[in-house]
Amino acid sequence: MDPGKERSLNTPLILVIDDDTRLRKLLQKFLSENGFRVFSAANTAEADEMMSWYVFDLLVVDVMMPGETGIEFTGRLRESGQNVPVLILTAMGETGDRISGLESGADDYLSKPFEPRELLLRINSILRRVMSKPPEKQKAEVKFGIHRYDLDEHILYRGSERIRLPLAEAALLQLLAERAGQDISREELAQKTGNETNLRTIDVQITRLRRKIEPDAGTPRYIQTIRGKGYSLIPD
C-alpha cells in the first residue's frame, strides 16, 4: 500500500460512483448507517482521484454515466490489474448491460430500482467471498540489477528474456538465490552441487555466472567473494 493511502483496518470502505446526486446521497447514508465507511463520486474521473488516496474494499458503480460508463471503467480497472470488487447498478431489464458488466470483470450486478436491503445483502456476500479467499502466493524471486531469478521455476530472466544456464551453473545460482545476502562457503557450494572433489570448479562456475549477470564481471556487484570463506549473492 502506498504510504499516502488510507484504509480502515476494521470497517470496510466503499466507494459509490453514480451521476444521480439524489441516489448517491441516499446510498451513502444507508450504507453508512449499516456499518460501512462510504465515499461517493459523480463520475469515474472523481473515482480515479479518490482511488489514488484510498484503498477501497468495494465499488458500487452505475452503468450509465456521462463520459466513461461504468462498464468501461470496470474493464479499465481489470486491464490495469486492479482486483477491487465491483458491484454494478443497471437499468431494469437491460440484460445486455448486465452481461457486459460481468464480462468486463464486475463481481455482481443489481437492477434499478432495487430494495436497499438487497443491495446490502449483495455487498456483504461479495465481501465474504473476498475475505474467504486464500491470500495469493507471493512469487518467490530474487532481483539483482536487470536480472531476476525465479526460485520456484529455477529460471533466470534478463528483463523479460529467459536466460538458459548449464545445469551446473543453474544449481549454483539456485543455492545462492535461496540464501541471498548470506555467506556460503565454497565447501558447502561444492558439496551441494556435486563438486566435492574439486573446489576450483566452483570458482570457474562463479566466473561464468558473473559474465552473464554482472555489469562488469571484473568488478562484481551481485555475486561477491567473501574472502577466506566463499560467495554471497547480494540482491537489490
C-alpha atoms as a PDB file:
ATOM      1  CA  MET A   1       0.000   0.000   0.000  1.00  0.00           C
ATOM      2  CA  ASP A   2       1.277   3.475  -0.847  1.00  0.00           C
ATOM      3  CA  PRO A   3       2.231   5.463   2.279  1.00  0.00           C
ATOM      4  CA  GLY A   4      -0.157   8.251   1.282  1.00  0.00           C
ATOM      5  CA  LYS A   5      -3.163   5.970   1.007  1.00  0.00           C
ATOM      6  CA  GLU A   6      -5.577   5.431   3.839  1.00  0.00           C
ATOM      7  CA  ARG A   7      -7.518   2.340   4.732  1.00  0.00           C
ATOM      8  CA  SER A   8      -9.678   1.357   7.684  1.00  0.00           C
ATOM      9  CA  LEU A   9      -8.454  -1.843   9.273  1.00  0.00           C
ATOM     10  CA  ASN A  10     -11.831  -2.784  10.760  1.00  0.00           C
ATOM     11  CA  THR A  11     -14.595  -1.111   8.762  1.00  0.00           C
ATOM     12  CA  PRO A  12     -14.983  -1.905   5.037  1.00  0.00           C
ATOM     13  CA  LEU A  13     -14.501   1.167   2.856  1.00  0.00           C
ATOM     14  CA  ILE A  14     -16.924   1.542  -0.068  1.00  0.00           C
ATOM     15  CA  LEU A  15     -16.961   3.963  -2.996  1.00  0.00           C
ATOM     16  CA  VAL A  16     -20.323   4.705  -4.671  1.00  0.00           C
ATOM     17  CA  ILE A  17     -19.953   6.018  -8.242  1.00  0.00           C
ATOM     18  CA  ASP A  18     -23.191   7.378  -9.722  1.00  0.00           C
ATOM     19  CA  ASP A  19     -24.087  10.619 -11.515  1.00  0.00           C
ATOM     20  CA  ASP A  20     -27.525  10.684  -9.848  1.00  0.00           C
ATOM     21  CA  THR A  21     -26.908  13.031  -6.914  1.00  0.00           C
ATOM     22  CA  ARG A  22     -30.040  12.010  -5.017  1.00  0.00           C
ATOM     23  CA  LEU A  23     -29.365   8.260  -5.285  1.00  0.00           C
ATOM     24  CA  ARG A  24     -25.705   8.751  -4.473  1.00  0.00           C
ATOM     25  CA  LYS A  25     -26.530  10.564  -1.235  1.00  0.00           C
ATOM     26  CA  LEU A  26     -29.199   8.026  -0.275  1.00  0.00           C
ATOM     27  CA  LEU A  27     -26.807   5.126  -0.789  1.00  0.00           C
ATOM     28  CA  GLN A  28     -24.059   6.855   1.151  1.00  0.00           C
ATOM     29  CA  LYS A  29     -26.427   7.474   4.067  1.00  0.00           C
ATOM     30  CA  PHE A  30     -27.925   3.958   4.015  1.00  0.00           C
ATOM     31  CA  LEU A  31     -24.591   2.140   3.830  1.00  0.00           C
ATOM     32  CA  SER A  32     -23.057   4.371   6.497  1.00  0.00           C
ATOM     33  CA  GLU A  33     -25.945   3.525   8.813  1.00  0.00           C
ATOM     34  CA  ASN A  34     -25.230  -0.164   8.205  1.00  0.00           C
ATOM     35  CA  GLY A  35     -21.648  -0.124   9.368  1.00  0.00           C
ATOM     36  CA  PHE A  36     -19.596   0.892   6.317  1.00  0.00           C
ATOM     37  CA  ARG A  37     -17.359   3.850   5.656  1.00  0.00           C
ATOM     38  CA  VAL A  38     -18.639   5.333   2.409  1.00  0.00           C
ATOM     39  CA  PHE A  39     -17.322   7.841  -0.108  1.00  0.00           C
ATOM     40  CA  SER A  40     -19.059   8.879  -3.312  1.00  0.00           C
ATOM     41  CA  ALA A  41     -18.108  10.132  -6.761  1.00  0.00           C
ATOM     42  CA  ALA A  42     -20.262  11.633  -9.528  1.00  0.00           C
ATOM     43  CA  ASN A  43     -18.148  10.159 -12.330  1.00  0.00           C
ATOM     44  CA  THR A  44     -15.160   7.935 -12.981  1.00  0.00           C
ATOM     45  CA  ALA A  45     -12.712  10.859 -13.055  1.00  0.00           C
ATOM     46  CA  GLU A  46     -13.648  11.681  -9.457  1.00  0.00           C
ATOM     47  CA  ALA A  47     -13.424   7.984  -8.636  1.00  0.00           C
ATOM     48  CA  ASP A  48      -9.884   7.785 -10.031  1.00  0.00           C
ATOM     49  CA  GLU A  49      -8.809  10.675  -7.834  1.00  0.00           C
ATOM     50  CA  MET A  50     -10.322   9.113  -4.706  1.00  0.00           C
ATOM     51  CA  MET A  51      -8.750   5.761  -5.501  1.00  0.00           C
ATOM     52  CA  SER A  52      -5.342   7.450  -5.631  1.00  0.00           C
ATOM     53  CA  TRP A  53      -5.780   8.360  -1.958  1.00  0.00           C
ATOM     54  CA  TYR A  54      -7.798   5.472  -0.511  1.00  0.00           C
ATOM     55  CA  VAL A  55      -7.785   1.690  -0.824  1.00  0.00           C
ATOM     56  CA  PHE A  56     -11.431   0.682  -1.198  1.00  0.00           C
ATOM     57  CA  ASP A  57     -12.843  -2.713  -0.264  1.00  0.00           C
ATOM     58  CA  LEU A  58     -15.682  -2.489  -2.799  1.00  0.00           C
ATOM     59  CA  LEU A  59     -17.018  -0.203  -5.540  1.00  0.00           C
ATOM     60  CA  VAL A  60     -20.721   0.311  -6.315  1.00  0.00           C
ATOM     61  CA  VAL A  61     -20.741   1.542  -9.916  1.00  0.00           C
ATOM     62  CA  ASP A  62     -23.634   2.779 -12.053  1.00  0.00           C
ATOM     63  CA  VAL A  63     -23.531   1.646 -15.676  1.00  0.00           C
ATOM     64  CA  MET A  64     -24.955   4.726 -17.397  1.00  0.00           C
ATOM     65  CA  MET A  65     -22.847   7.793 -16.662  1.00  0.00           C
ATOM     66  CA  PRO A  66     -21.743  10.675 -18.908  1.00  0.00           C
ATOM     67  CA  GLY A  67     -18.257  10.222 -20.274  1.00  0.00           C
ATOM     68  CA  GLU A  68     -16.809   6.861 -19.285  1.00  0.00           C
ATOM     69  CA  THR A  69     -19.501   4.300 -18.494  1.00  0.00           C
ATOM     70  CA  GLY A  70     -19.410   2.000 -15.502  1.00  0.00           C
ATOM     71  CA  ILE A  71     -18.677  -0.953 -17.787  1.00  0.00           C
ATOM     72  CA  GLU A  72     -15.752   0.841 -19.445  1.00  0.00           C
ATOM     73  CA  PHE A  73     -14.456   1.902 -16.030  1.00  0.00           C
ATOM     74  CA  THR A  74     -14.618  -1.658 -14.673  1.00  0.00           C
ATOM     75  CA  GLY A  75     -12.855  -3.009 -17.747  1.00  0.00           C
ATOM     76  CA  ARG A  76     -10.105  -0.408 -17.365  1.00  0.00           C
ATOM     77  CA  LEU A  77      -9.585  -1.360 -13.728  1.00  0.00           C
ATOM     78  CA  ARG A  78      -9.221  -5.031 -14.605  1.00  0.00           C
ATOM     79  CA  GLU A  79      -6.855  -4.339 -17.506  1.00  0.00           C
ATOM     80  CA  SER A  80      -4.636  -2.335 -15.151  1.00  0.00           C
ATOM     81  CA  GLY A  81      -4.514  -5.260 -12.703  1.00  0.00           C
ATOM     82  CA  GLN A  82      -6.775  -3.801 -10.005  1.00  0.00           C
ATOM     83  CA  ASN A  83      -8.911  -6.517  -8.421  1.00  0.00           C
ATOM     84  CA  VAL A  84     -11.100  -4.413  -6.110  1.00  0.00           C
ATOM     85  CA  PRO A  85     -14.612  -5.979  -6.052  1.00  0.00           C
ATOM     86  CA  VAL A  86     -17.190  -4.172  -8.226  1.00  0.00           C
ATOM     87  CA  LEU A  87     -20.991  -4.280  -7.931  1.00  0.00           C
ATOM     88  CA  ILE A  88     -22.616  -2.638 -10.958  1.00  0.00           C
ATOM     89  CA  LEU A  89     -26.037  -0.999 -10.992  1.00  0.00           C
ATOM     90  CA  THR A  90     -28.033  -1.469 -14.209  1.00  0.00           C
ATOM     91  CA  ALA A  91     -31.384  -0.245 -15.514  1.00  0.00           C
ATOM     92  CA  MET A  92     -34.269  -2.693 -15.067  1.00  0.00           C
ATOM     93  CA  GLY A  93     -34.430  -5.218 -17.884  1.00  0.00           C
ATOM     94  CA  GLU A  94     -31.148  -4.220 -19.534  1.00  0.00           C
ATOM     95  CA  THR A  95     -29.817  -7.759 -19.924  1.00  0.00           C
ATOM     96  CA  GLY A  96     -27.067  -6.614 -22.262  1.00  0.00           C
ATOM     97  CA  ASP A  97     -25.696  -4.231 -19.637  1.00  0.00           C
ATOM     98  CA  ARG A  98     -25.657  -6.967 -17.011  1.00  0.00           C
ATOM     99  CA  ILE A  99     -23.816  -9.370 -19.298  1.00  0.00           C
ATOM    100  CA  SER A 100     -21.361  -6.692 -20.447  1.00  0.00           C
ATOM    101  CA  GLY A 101     -20.751  -5.693 -16.846  1.00  0.00           C
ATOM    102  CA  LEU A 102     -19.891  -9.218 -15.795  1.00  0.00           C
ATOM    103  CA  GLU A 103     -17.721  -9.705 -18.883  1.00  0.00           C
ATOM    104  CA  SER A 104     -15.816  -6.518 -18.018  1.00  0.00           C
ATOM    105  CA  GLY A 105     -14.877  -8.020 -14.643  1.00  0.00           C
ATOM    106  CA  ALA A 106     -17.685  -6.946 -12.286  1.00  0.00           C
ATOM    107  CA  ASP A 107     -18.341  -9.301  -9.383  1.00  0.00           C
ATOM    108  CA  ASP A 108     -22.130  -8.866  -9.295  1.00  0.00           C
ATOM    109  CA  TYR A 109     -24.931  -6.664 -10.596  1.00  0.00           C
ATOM    110  CA  LEU A 110     -28.185  -5.217  -9.287  1.00  0.00           C
ATOM    111  CA  SER A 111     -31.044  -3.842 -11.386  1.00  0.00           C
ATOM    112  CA  LYS A 112     -32.600  -0.447 -10.659  1.00  0.00           C
ATOM    113  CA  PRO A 113     -34.891   0.192  -8.881  1.00  0.00           C
ATOM    114  CA  PHE A 114     -33.793  -2.069  -6.048  1.00  0.00           C
ATOM    115  CA  GLU A 115     -34.514  -2.619  -2.398  1.00  0.00           C
ATOM    116  CA  PRO A 116     -31.733  -1.185  -0.205  1.00  0.00           C
ATOM    117  CA  ARG A 117     -31.705  -4.392   1.832  1.00  0.00           C
ATOM    118  CA  GLU A 118     -30.944  -6.404  -1.295  1.00  0.00           C
ATOM    119  CA  LEU A 119     -28.011  -4.114  -2.046  1.00  0.00           C
ATOM    120  CA  LEU A 120     -26.754  -4.684   1.488  1.00  0.00           C
ATOM    121  CA  LEU A 121     -27.062  -8.470   1.115  1.00  0.00           C
ATOM    122  CA  ARG A 122     -25.151  -8.461  -2.157  1.00  0.00           C
ATOM    123  CA  ILE A 123     -22.390  -6.255  -0.755  1.00  0.00           C
ATOM    124  CA  ASN A 124     -21.971  -8.488   2.287  1.00  0.00           C
ATOM    125  CA  SER A 125     -21.954 -11.563   0.060  1.00  0.00           C
ATOM    126  CA  ILE A 126     -19.161 -10.144  -2.123  1.00  0.00           C
ATOM    127  CA  LEU A 127     -17.104  -9.102   0.890  1.00  0.00           C
ATOM    128  CA  ARG A 128     -17.477 -12.553   2.466  1.00  0.00           C
ATOM    129  CA  ARG A 129     -16.268 -14.203  -0.736  1.00  0.00           C
ATOM    130  CA  VAL A 130     -13.287 -11.900  -0.961  1.00  0.00           C
ATOM    131  CA  MET A 131     -12.334 -12.350   2.679  1.00  0.00           C
ATOM    132  CA  SER A 132     -12.633 -16.141   2.466  1.00  0.00           C
ATOM    133  CA  LYS A 133     -10.227 -16.408  -0.467  1.00  0.00           C
ATOM    134  CA  PRO A 134      -6.773 -17.650   0.500  1.00  0.00           C
ATOM    135  CA  PRO A 135      -4.141 -14.958   0.009  1.00  0.00           C
ATOM    136  CA  GLU A 136      -2.348 -15.128  -3.311  1.00  0.00           C
ATOM    137  CA  LYS A 137       1.054 -16.694  -3.030  1.00  0.00           C
ATOM    138  CA  GLN A 138       3.816 -14.180  -3.422  1.00  0.00           C
ATOM    139  CA  LYS A 139       6.064 -15.009  -6.335  1.00  0.00           C
ATOM    140  CA  ALA A 140       9.375 -16.179  -4.924  1.00  0.00           C
ATOM    141  CA  GLU A 141      12.100 -14.366  -6.800  1.00  0.00           C
ATOM    142  CA  VAL A 142      15.373 -12.566  -6.209  1.00  0.00           C
ATOM    143  CA  LYS A 143      16.167  -9.395  -8.158  1.00  0.00           C
ATOM    144  CA  PHE A 144      19.618  -8.068  -8.956  1.00  0.00           C
ATOM    145  CA  GLY A 145      20.030  -5.270 -11.475  1.00  0.00           C
ATOM    146  CA  ILE A 146      18.168  -6.013 -14.706  1.00  0.00           C
ATOM    147  CA  HIS A 147      18.020  -9.688 -13.760  1.00  0.00           C
ATOM    148  CA  ARG A 148      15.634 -11.682 -11.608  1.00  0.00           C
ATOM    149  CA  TYR A 149      15.765 -15.317 -10.593  1.00  0.00           C
ATOM    150  CA  ASP A 150      12.536 -17.291 -10.141  1.00  0.00           C
ATOM    151  CA  LEU A 151      13.118 -19.606  -7.189  1.00  0.00           C
ATOM    152  CA  ASP A 152      10.069 -21.767  -7.916  1.00  0.00           C
ATOM    153  CA  GLU A 153      10.715 -22.296 -11.621  1.00  0.00           C
ATOM    154  CA  HIS A 154      14.528 -22.154 -11.343  1.00  0.00           C
ATOM    155  CA  ILE A 155      14.701 -19.659 -14.215  1.00  0.00           C
ATOM    156  CA  LEU A 156      16.951 -16.621 -14.704  1.00  0.00           C
ATOM    157  CA  TYR A 157      15.486 -13.635 -16.555  1.00  0.00           C
ATOM    158  CA  ARG A 158      17.118 -10.558 -18.043  1.00  0.00           C
ATOM    159  CA  GLY A 159      14.148  -8.240 -18.186  1.00  0.00           C
ATOM    160  CA  SER A 160      11.515 -10.427 -19.845  1.00  0.00           C
ATOM    161  CA  GLU A 161      14.101 -12.579 -21.647  1.00  0.00           C
ATOM    162  CA  ARG A 162      14.762 -16.039 -20.271  1.00  0.00           C
ATOM    163  CA  ILE A 163      18.463 -16.824 -19.856  1.00  0.00           C
ATOM    164  CA  ARG A 164      19.304 -20.503 -20.225  1.00  0.00           C
ATOM    165  CA  LEU A 165      22.014 -21.775 -17.912  1.00  0.00           C
ATOM    166  CA  PRO A 166      24.012 -25.015 -17.964  1.00  0.00           C
ATOM    167  CA  LEU A 167      22.813 -27.388 -15.238  1.00  0.00           C
ATOM    168  CA  ALA A 168      25.855 -26.837 -13.014  1.00  0.00           C
ATOM    169  CA  GLU A 169      25.532 -23.032 -13.130  1.00  0.00           C
ATOM    170  CA  ALA A 170      21.769 -23.232 -12.598  1.00  0.00           C
ATOM    171  CA  ALA A 171      22.239 -25.396  -9.497  1.00  0.00           C
ATOM    172  CA  LEU A 172      24.826 -22.982  -8.137  1.00  0.00           C
ATOM    173  CA  LEU A 173      22.633 -19.922  -8.735  1.00  0.00           C
ATOM    174  CA  GLN A 174      19.689 -21.659  -7.082  1.00  0.00           C
ATOM    175  CA  LEU A 175      21.722 -22.205  -3.906  1.00  0.00           C
ATOM    176  CA  LEU A 176      22.978 -18.628  -3.866  1.00  0.00           C
ATOM    177  CA  ALA A 177      19.490 -17.212  -4.525  1.00  0.00           C
ATOM    178  CA  GLU A 178      17.811 -19.345  -1.850  1.00  0.00           C
ATOM    179  CA  ARG A 179      20.175 -17.786   0.702  1.00  0.00           C
ATOM    180  CA  ALA A 180      20.547 -14.352  -0.879  1.00  0.00           C
ATOM    181  CA  GLY A 181      22.505 -11.988   1.336  1.00  0.00           C
ATOM    182  CA  GLN A 182      24.137 -14.829   3.260  1.00  0.00           C
ATOM    183  CA  ASP A 183      27.715 -16.068   3.022  1.00  0.00           C
ATOM    184  CA  ILE A 184      28.047 -19.628   1.711  1.00  0.00           C
ATOM    185  CA  SER A 185      31.346 -21.475   1.877  1.00  0.00           C
ATOM    186  CA  ARG A 186      32.963 -22.942  -1.217  1.00  0.00           C
ATOM    187  CA  GLU A 187      32.890 -26.317   0.512  1.00  0.00           C
ATOM    188  CA  GLU A 188      29.118 -26.199   1.007  1.00  0.00           C
ATOM    189  CA  LEU A 189      28.512 -24.998  -2.543  1.00  0.00           C
ATOM    190  CA  ALA A 190      30.738 -27.795  -3.851  1.00  0.00           C
ATOM    191  CA  GLN A 191      29.048 -30.441  -1.737  1.00  0.00           C
ATOM    192  CA  LYS A 192      25.524 -29.426  -2.731  1.00  0.00           C
ATOM    193  CA  THR A 193      26.347 -29.213  -6.431  1.00  0.00           C
ATOM    194  CA  GLY A 194      28.277 -32.483  -6.550  1.00  0.00           C
ATOM    195  CA  ASN A 195      31.754 -30.958  -6.918  1.00  0.00           C
ATOM    196  CA  GLU A 196      33.282 -32.071  -3.618  1.00  0.00           C
ATOM    197  CA  THR A 197      36.450 -33.343  -5.258  1.00  0.00           C
ATOM    198  CA  ASN A 198      37.419 -30.061  -6.919  1.00  0.00           C
ATOM    199  CA  LEU A 199      36.664 -26.728  -5.250  1.00  0.00           C
ATOM    200  CA  ARG A 200      38.197 -24.897  -8.225  1.00  0.00           C
ATOM    201  CA  THR A 201      35.167 -25.962 -10.251  1.00  0.00           C
ATOM    202  CA  ILE A 202      33.021 -23.696  -8.074  1.00  0.00           C
ATOM    203  CA  ASP A 203      35.296 -20.736  -8.810  1.00  0.00           C
ATOM    204  CA  VAL A 204      35.069 -21.409 -12.552  1.00  0.00           C
ATOM    205  CA  GLN A 205      31.280 -21.627 -12.447  1.00  0.00           C
ATOM    206  CA  ILE A 206      31.056 -18.420 -10.400  1.00  0.00           C
ATOM    207  CA  THR A 207      33.177 -16.666 -13.036  1.00  0.00           C
ATOM    208  CA  ARG A 208      30.827 -17.867 -15.771  1.00  0.00           C
ATOM    209  CA  LEU A 209      27.764 -16.741 -13.827  1.00  0.00           C
ATOM    210  CA  ARG A 210      29.281 -13.315 -13.290  1.00  0.00           C
ATOM    211  CA  ARG A 211      29.799 -12.914 -17.026  1.00  0.00           C
ATOM    212  CA  LYS A 212      26.070 -13.493 -17.501  1.00  0.00           C
ATOM    213  CA  ILE A 213      24.650 -11.230 -14.793  1.00  0.00           C
ATOM    214  CA  GLU A 214      27.253  -8.638 -13.764  1.00  0.00           C
ATOM    215  CA  PRO A 215      27.510  -5.234 -15.489  1.00  0.00           C
ATOM    216  CA  ASP A 216      31.271  -5.657 -15.067  1.00  0.00           C
ATOM    217  CA  ALA A 217      32.379  -9.216 -14.320  1.00  0.00           C
ATOM    218  CA  GLY A 218      35.810  -7.933 -13.279  1.00  0.00           C
ATOM    219  CA  THR A 219      34.266  -5.852 -10.511  1.00  0.00           C
ATOM    220  CA  PRO A 220      31.326  -7.978  -9.350  1.00  0.00           C
ATOM    221  CA  ARG A 221      28.452  -6.230  -7.631  1.00  0.00           C
ATOM    222  CA  TYR A 222      25.969  -9.058  -7.123  1.00  0.00           C
ATOM    223  CA  ILE A 223      27.966 -12.273  -6.720  1.00  0.00           C
ATOM    224  CA  GLN A 224      30.597 -11.192  -4.234  1.00  0.00           C
ATOM    225  CA  THR A 225      33.591 -13.096  -2.974  1.00  0.00           C
ATOM    226  CA  ILE A 226      33.729 -13.498   0.792  1.00  0.00           C
ATOM    227  CA  ARG A 227      37.432 -13.610   1.466  1.00  0.00           C
ATOM    228  CA  GLY A 228      38.527 -16.771   3.236  1.00  0.00           C
ATOM    229  CA  LYS A 229      35.066 -18.292   3.049  1.00  0.00           C
ATOM    230  CA  GLY A 230      33.137 -18.411  -0.195  1.00  0.00           C
ATOM    231  CA  TYR A 231      30.492 -16.386  -2.028  1.00  0.00           C
ATOM    232  CA  SER A 232      27.309 -14.420  -1.474  1.00  0.00           C
ATOM    233  CA  LEU A 233      24.545 -13.213  -3.821  1.00  0.00           C
ATOM    234  CA  ILE A 234      23.650  -9.609  -2.960  1.00  0.00           C
ATOM    235  CA  PRO A 235      20.181  -8.687  -4.262  1.00  0.00           C
ATOM    236  CA  ASP A 236      18.844  -5.163  -4.854  1.00  0.00           C
END
